[in-house]
Amino acid sequence: MSSSAPPSAPLAARLRNVNKSFGDGGARLQVLKAIDLDVRCGDITMLIGPSGCGKTTLLSIIAGTLGCDEGSGEVTVFGQDLLRMSKGRTTQFRAQSIGFIFQSFNLIPTLTCVENVSVPLLIQGKSTGFAEKRAREVLDQVGLADRMKHRPTQLSGGQQQRVAIARALVHEPRLIICDEPTAALDAKNGTLVMDLFEKVARSPERAVLIVTHDNRIFSHANRIASMDDGRIVELHDVDASHPLPEHLQHGFHA
């Protein structure tokens, strides 16, 4: 674990008084309740808490794939106001600045590993040759050099997870957002992936935000936000002089 970014570090994301509900009338369910959160550049920030507490919803709002309640507060990512962006501008901004690792992988079944990982670069208008060369480099970094031409159905769950991680890293986004990135990985590959995330987070202009139940990776965190019932109930900076409190060290079960 590297040292936490200083409090004065630039913010990758800033949320103030963010609320999110689903449904209408008597069936309306408030999933996020007055969320305040800073995600600092240079940090790996982890969101932990029991299933159903709103973690994935919060990730989706920061990634710009889900809106907030009308009249809700502030969501800025690298100084850009997501709540006031047009849909097209949000899509463009996300393609350039954010890498999202989905819990369900979301790989395209008809494409090879190289082709799946190339997609973010092709969306940016890069040539196929450049995109595939870069995809092969990142697949090698996640330990899949021997699976380049395989399709998702030919891979194990852990291998699919690593392809999804490579796809999120390939265009070198400034913010990596991850939903349970190590859930399908054994200890060796989980460590390999977290080492890659640490390299990303060492940059003073980049950040990593992870939702996880996997207490094996807590040691890689610089900040841990504990959620419950739609709220952030605890926030800890974690370093050698501020270890994670004992009551949070064992994580939560999905």
Foldseek 3Di string as FASTA:
>chain_A
DDAFDPPPFDFQKWDFQFWAWDDDDPPIDTQAGGETDTFGFLFEEEEFEAPSNRPVVVLCCQLLNDDTPVPGDFMDGSRRTSNPDDPVVSVVCSLQAEQEQDPVLPFDQVAFLLVRLLVSVVVVVDDPVVSSVLLCVLCVLLPNNVRRGPGPVVDDPLSSLSSSLSSSPSNPHQEYEYEASCVRPDPVSVVSSLVVQSVSRNDSRHYYYYYHQDLVCPVSGQKYFYGGNNYGDDIDGDDPVGHDDPVPNNGYDD
